[in-house]
Amino acid sequence: EMQLVESGGGLVQPGGSLRLSCAASGFSLSQYVMTWVRQAPGKGPEWVSTSSASTTYADSVKGRFTVSRDNLKNTLSLQMNSLKPEDPAVYYCQRGTFTTYYTRGQGTQVTVSS
Protein backbone atom coordinates (compact mmCIF):
# COMPACT_ATOMS: atom_id res chain seq x y z
CA GLU A 1 0.00 0.00 0.00
CA MET A 2 1.26 3.43 -0.95
CA GLN A 3 1.26 5.82 1.96
CA LEU A 4 2.49 9.29 2.85
CA VAL A 5 2.89 10.53 6.41
CA GLU A 6 3.61 14.17 7.14
CA SER A 7 5.23 15.43 10.32
CA GLY A 8 6.99 18.47 11.69
CA GLY A 9 4.13 20.89 12.03
CA GLY A 10 3.63 23.03 15.09
CA LEU A 11 3.40 26.52 16.50
CA VAL A 12 5.98 29.08 15.48
CA GLN A 13 6.26 32.83 15.84
CA PRO A 14 6.13 35.09 12.80
CA GLY A 15 9.52 35.11 11.16
CA GLY A 16 10.33 31.66 12.48
CA SER A 17 11.07 28.43 10.69
CA LEU A 18 9.70 24.92 10.51
CA ARG A 19 10.75 21.87 8.58
CA LEU A 20 8.04 19.50 7.44
CA SER A 21 8.74 15.94 6.43
CA CYS A 22 6.77 13.57 4.27
CA ALA A 23 7.71 9.92 4.64
CA ALA A 24 6.73 7.64 1.80
CA SER A 25 6.11 3.92 2.03
CA GLY A 26 5.05 1.39 -0.56
CA PHE A 27 6.75 3.27 -3.36
CA SER A 28 9.91 5.17 -4.16
CA LEU A 29 9.13 8.86 -4.22
CA SER A 30 12.21 9.49 -6.35
CA GLN A 31 10.24 8.11 -9.28
CA TYR A 32 7.29 10.44 -8.91
CA VAL A 33 6.24 14.03 -9.13
CA MET A 34 5.58 15.19 -5.57
CA THR A 35 3.58 18.21 -4.52
CA TRP A 36 3.05 20.18 -1.33
CA VAL A 37 -0.41 21.64 -0.83
CA ARG A 38 -1.85 23.60 2.07
CA GLN A 39 -5.36 24.31 3.19
CA ALA A 40 -6.36 27.01 5.64
CA PRO A 41 -9.65 26.85 7.56
CA GLY A 42 -12.56 27.82 5.37
CA LYS A 43 -10.47 27.93 2.22
CA GLY A 44 -9.78 25.58 -0.63
CA PRO A 45 -6.50 23.78 -1.21
CA GLU A 46 -3.62 26.04 -2.22
CA TRP A 47 -0.68 24.82 -4.27
CA VAL A 48 2.67 25.37 -2.55
CA SER A 49 5.29 23.53 -4.58
CA THR A 50 5.83 20.73 -7.07
CA SER A 51 9.02 18.72 -7.27
CA SER A 52 9.96 16.75 -10.33
CA ALA A 53 13.05 17.18 -12.47
CA SER A 54 12.95 20.71 -11.16
CA THR A 55 11.03 22.38 -8.37
CA THR A 56 8.49 25.14 -8.74
CA TYR A 57 6.97 27.28 -6.02
CA ALA A 58 3.93 29.43 -5.57
CA ASP A 59 4.73 33.13 -5.61
CA SER A 60 3.47 33.39 -2.04
CA VAL A 61 6.25 31.11 -0.76
CA LYS A 62 9.02 31.62 -3.31
CA GLY A 63 12.28 32.56 -1.65
CA ARG A 64 11.06 31.41 1.77
CA PHE A 65 10.23 27.73 1.27
CA THR A 66 12.56 25.05 -0.07
CA VAL A 67 11.71 21.49 -1.06
CA SER A 68 14.24 18.71 -0.87
CA ARG A 69 14.27 14.96 -1.33
CA ASP A 70 16.19 12.33 0.58
CA ASN A 71 15.98 9.30 -1.64
CA LEU A 72 17.75 7.04 0.84
CA LYS A 73 15.19 7.85 3.52
CA ASN A 74 12.40 8.04 0.94
CA THR A 75 11.40 11.38 2.38
CA LEU A 76 10.30 14.71 0.98
CA SER A 77 10.93 17.81 3.07
CA LEU A 78 9.62 21.35 3.08
CA GLN A 79 11.85 23.88 4.80
CA MET A 80 9.79 26.93 5.67
CA ASN A 81 11.58 30.11 6.68
CA SER A 82 10.35 33.60 7.46
CA LEU A 83 6.89 32.31 8.25
CA LYS A 84 4.11 34.84 7.93
CA PRO A 85 0.66 35.15 9.48
CA GLU A 86 -0.84 34.04 6.14
CA ASP A 87 1.06 30.72 6.15
CA PRO A 88 -0.96 28.81 8.78
CA ALA A 89 -2.73 25.81 7.30
CA VAL A 90 -2.74 22.07 7.22
CA TYR A 91 0.10 21.07 4.94
CA TYR A 92 -0.18 17.96 2.82
CA CYS A 93 2.22 16.16 0.56
CA GLN A 94 0.83 14.25 -2.34
CA ARG A 95 2.06 11.96 -5.05
CA GLY A 96 1.22 13.69 -8.27
CA THR A 97 0.46 17.22 -9.27
CA PHE A 98 -1.78 19.74 -7.59
CA THR A 99 -4.81 18.81 -9.68
CA THR A 100 -4.10 15.13 -10.33
CA TYR A 101 -2.77 13.17 -7.42
CA TYR A 102 -2.91 9.54 -6.41
CA THR A 103 -1.83 9.52 -2.78
CA ARG A 104 -2.08 12.16 -0.08
CA GLY A 105 -1.00 12.14 3.52
CA GLN A 106 -3.10 13.06 6.52
CA GLY A 107 -1.52 16.48 6.79
CA THR A 108 0.34 18.36 9.49
CA GLN A 109 -0.84 21.59 11.12
CA VAL A 110 1.26 24.73 10.94
CA THR A 111 0.32 27.62 13.20
CA VAL A 112 2.00 31.02 13.11
CA SER A 113 1.30 33.20 16.09
CA SER A 114 3.07 35.46 18.50
C-alpha atoms as a PDB file:
ATOM      1  CA  GLU A   1       0.000   0.000   0.000  1.00  0.00           C
ATOM      2  CA  MET A   2       1.260   3.427  -0.954  1.00  0.00           C
ATOM      3  CA  GLN A   3       1.255   5.819   1.960  1.00  0.00           C
ATOM      4  CA  LEU A   4       2.489   9.285   2.855  1.00  0.00           C
ATOM      5  CA  VAL A   5       2.895  10.526   6.409  1.00  0.00           C
ATOM      6  CA  GLU A   6       3.611  14.173   7.141  1.00  0.00           C
ATOM      7  CA  SER A   7       5.229  15.430  10.317  1.00  0.00           C
ATOM      8  CA  GLY A   8       6.990  18.465  11.694  1.00  0.00           C
ATOM      9  CA  GLY A   9       4.127  20.891  12.027  1.00  0.00           C
ATOM     10  CA  GLY A  10       3.627  23.027  15.088  1.00  0.00           C
ATOM     11  CA  LEU A  11       3.400  26.517  16.500  1.00  0.00           C
ATOM     12  CA  VAL A  12       5.976  29.082  15.482  1.00  0.00           C
ATOM     13  CA  GLN A  13       6.257  32.830  15.839  1.00  0.00           C
ATOM     14  CA  PRO A  14       6.125  35.091  12.797  1.00  0.00           C
ATOM     15  CA  GLY A  15       9.522  35.108  11.158  1.00  0.00           C
ATOM     16  CA  GLY A  16      10.326  31.665  12.478  1.00  0.00           C
ATOM     17  CA  SER A  17      11.071  28.430  10.693  1.00  0.00           C
ATOM     18  CA  LEU A  18       9.702  24.916  10.508  1.00  0.00           C
ATOM     19  CA  ARG A  19      10.749  21.870   8.578  1.00  0.00           C
ATOM     20  CA  LEU A  20       8.036  19.504   7.437  1.00  0.00           C
ATOM     21  CA  SER A  21       8.737  15.941   6.431  1.00  0.00           C
ATOM     22  CA  CYS A  22       6.765  13.566   4.274  1.00  0.00           C
ATOM     23  CA  ALA A  23       7.708   9.924   4.642  1.00  0.00           C
ATOM     24  CA  ALA A  24       6.726   7.639   1.801  1.00  0.00           C
ATOM     25  CA  SER A  25       6.105   3.916   2.028  1.00  0.00           C
ATOM     26  CA  GLY A  26       5.054   1.394  -0.555  1.00  0.00           C
ATOM     27  CA  PHE A  27       6.752   3.275  -3.365  1.00  0.00           C
ATOM     28  CA  SER A  28       9.914   5.166  -4.160  1.00  0.00           C
ATOM     29  CA  LEU A  29       9.128   8.860  -4.222  1.00  0.00           C
ATOM     30  CA  SER A  30      12.205   9.491  -6.345  1.00  0.00           C
ATOM     31  CA  GLN A  31      10.236   8.115  -9.280  1.00  0.00           C
ATOM     32  CA  TYR A  32       7.286  10.440  -8.906  1.00  0.00           C
ATOM     33  CA  VAL A  33       6.244  14.033  -9.131  1.00  0.00           C
ATOM     34  CA  MET A  34       5.577  15.187  -5.572  1.00  0.00           C
ATOM     35  CA  THR A  35       3.579  18.207  -4.516  1.00  0.00           C
ATOM     36  CA  TRP A  36       3.046  20.177  -1.334  1.00  0.00           C
ATOM     37  CA  VAL A  37      -0.413  21.636  -0.830  1.00  0.00           C
ATOM     38  CA  ARG A  38      -1.855  23.596   2.065  1.00  0.00           C
ATOM     39  CA  GLN A  39      -5.356  24.308   3.193  1.00  0.00           C
ATOM     40  CA  ALA A  40      -6.356  27.006   5.642  1.00  0.00           C
ATOM     41  CA  PRO A  41      -9.650  26.848   7.560  1.00  0.00           C
ATOM     42  CA  GLY A  42     -12.561  27.820   5.369  1.00  0.00           C
ATOM     43  CA  LYS A  43     -10.467  27.931   2.223  1.00  0.00           C
ATOM     44  CA  GLY A  44      -9.780  25.582  -0.630  1.00  0.00           C
ATOM     45  CA  PRO A  45      -6.499  23.777  -1.214  1.00  0.00           C
ATOM     46  CA  GLU A  46      -3.622  26.037  -2.218  1.00  0.00           C
ATOM     47  CA  TRP A  47      -0.683  24.820  -4.269  1.00  0.00           C
ATOM     48  CA  VAL A  48       2.666  25.368  -2.551  1.00  0.00           C
ATOM     49  CA  SER A  49       5.291  23.533  -4.576  1.00  0.00           C
ATOM     50  CA  THR A  50       5.831  20.728  -7.066  1.00  0.00           C
ATOM     51  CA  SER A  51       9.020  18.723  -7.267  1.00  0.00           C
ATOM     52  CA  SER A  52       9.959  16.745 -10.328  1.00  0.00           C
ATOM     53  CA  ALA A  53      13.052  17.182 -12.469  1.00  0.00           C
ATOM     54  CA  SER A  54      12.946  20.713 -11.157  1.00  0.00           C
ATOM     55  CA  THR A  55      11.029  22.378  -8.366  1.00  0.00           C
ATOM     56  CA  THR A  56       8.493  25.141  -8.736  1.00  0.00           C
ATOM     57  CA  TYR A  57       6.974  27.282  -6.019  1.00  0.00           C
ATOM     58  CA  ALA A  58       3.929  29.433  -5.566  1.00  0.00           C
ATOM     59  CA  ASP A  59       4.733  33.134  -5.612  1.00  0.00           C
ATOM     60  CA  SER A  60       3.474  33.391  -2.042  1.00  0.00           C
ATOM     61  CA  VAL A  61       6.255  31.113  -0.757  1.00  0.00           C
ATOM     62  CA  LYS A  62       9.021  31.624  -3.309  1.00  0.00           C
ATOM     63  CA  GLY A  63      12.284  32.557  -1.648  1.00  0.00           C
ATOM     64  CA  ARG A  64      11.061  31.406   1.771  1.00  0.00           C
ATOM     65  CA  PHE A  65      10.228  27.726   1.270  1.00  0.00           C
ATOM     66  CA  THR A  66      12.555  25.050  -0.069  1.00  0.00           C
ATOM     67  CA  VAL A  67      11.708  21.486  -1.056  1.00  0.00           C
ATOM     68  CA  SER A  68      14.238  18.709  -0.867  1.00  0.00           C
ATOM     69  CA  ARG A  69      14.266  14.960  -1.334  1.00  0.00           C
ATOM     70  CA  ASP A  70      16.188  12.333   0.583  1.00  0.00           C
ATOM     71  CA  ASN A  71      15.981   9.302  -1.643  1.00  0.00           C
ATOM     72  CA  LEU A  72      17.753   7.044   0.836  1.00  0.00           C
ATOM     73  CA  LYS A  73      15.194   7.853   3.519  1.00  0.00           C
ATOM     74  CA  ASN A  74      12.403   8.041   0.935  1.00  0.00           C
ATOM     75  CA  THR A  75      11.403  11.381   2.383  1.00  0.00           C
ATOM     76  CA  LEU A  76      10.303  14.712   0.977  1.00  0.00           C
ATOM     77  CA  SER A  77      10.927  17.813   3.070  1.00  0.00           C
ATOM     78  CA  LEU A  78       9.619  21.348   3.078  1.00  0.00           C
ATOM     79  CA  GLN A  79      11.852  23.884   4.800  1.00  0.00           C
ATOM     80  CA  MET A  80       9.792  26.930   5.669  1.00  0.00           C
ATOM     81  CA  ASN A  81      11.578  30.112   6.683  1.00  0.00           C
ATOM     82  CA  SER A  82      10.353  33.605   7.455  1.00  0.00           C
ATOM     83  CA  LEU A  83       6.893  32.309   8.253  1.00  0.00           C
ATOM     84  CA  LYS A  84       4.110  34.843   7.930  1.00  0.00           C
ATOM     85  CA  PRO A  85       0.657  35.152   9.479  1.00  0.00           C
ATOM     86  CA  GLU A  86      -0.837  34.039   6.139  1.00  0.00           C
ATOM     87  CA  ASP A  87       1.057  30.724   6.147  1.00  0.00           C
ATOM     88  CA  PRO A  88      -0.959  28.809   8.783  1.00  0.00           C
ATOM     89  CA  ALA A  89      -2.727  25.814   7.299  1.00  0.00           C
ATOM     90  CA  VAL A  90      -2.739  22.074   7.220  1.00  0.00           C
ATOM     91  CA  TYR A  91       0.096  21.073   4.938  1.00  0.00           C
ATOM     92  CA  TYR A  92      -0.181  17.959   2.822  1.00  0.00           C
ATOM     93  CA  CYS A  93       2.220  16.162   0.562  1.00  0.00           C
ATOM     94  CA  GLN A  94       0.834  14.247  -2.341  1.00  0.00           C
ATOM     95  CA  ARG A  95       2.055  11.958  -5.055  1.00  0.00           C
ATOM     96  CA  GLY A  96       1.221  13.689  -8.271  1.00  0.00           C
ATOM     97  CA  THR A  97       0.462  17.219  -9.271  1.00  0.00           C
ATOM     98  CA  PHE A  98      -1.778  19.738  -7.590  1.00  0.00           C
ATOM     99  CA  THR A  99      -4.808  18.812  -9.680  1.00  0.00           C
ATOM    100  CA  THR A 100      -4.100  15.132 -10.335  1.00  0.00           C
ATOM    101  CA  TYR A 101      -2.772  13.171  -7.421  1.00  0.00           C
ATOM    102  CA  TYR A 102      -2.912   9.544  -6.410  1.00  0.00           C
ATOM    103  CA  THR A 103      -1.828   9.517  -2.780  1.00  0.00           C
ATOM    104  CA  ARG A 104      -2.081  12.157  -0.079  1.00  0.00           C
ATOM    105  CA  GLY A 105      -1.000  12.137   3.515  1.00  0.00           C
ATOM    106  CA  GLN A 106      -3.098  13.062   6.519  1.00  0.00           C
ATOM    107  CA  GLY A 107      -1.524  16.484   6.795  1.00  0.00           C
ATOM    108  CA  THR A 108       0.341  18.361   9.490  1.00  0.00           C
ATOM    109  CA  GLN A 109      -0.838  21.586  11.117  1.00  0.00           C
ATOM    110  CA  VAL A 110       1.261  24.730  10.937  1.00  0.00           C
ATOM    111  CA  THR A 111       0.321  27.625  13.196  1.00  0.00           C
ATOM    112  CA  VAL A 112       2.002  31.021  13.106  1.00  0.00           C
ATOM    113  CA  SER A 113       1.301  33.204  16.092  1.00  0.00           C
ATOM    114  CA  SER A 114       3.072  35.457  18.501  1.00  0.00           C
END
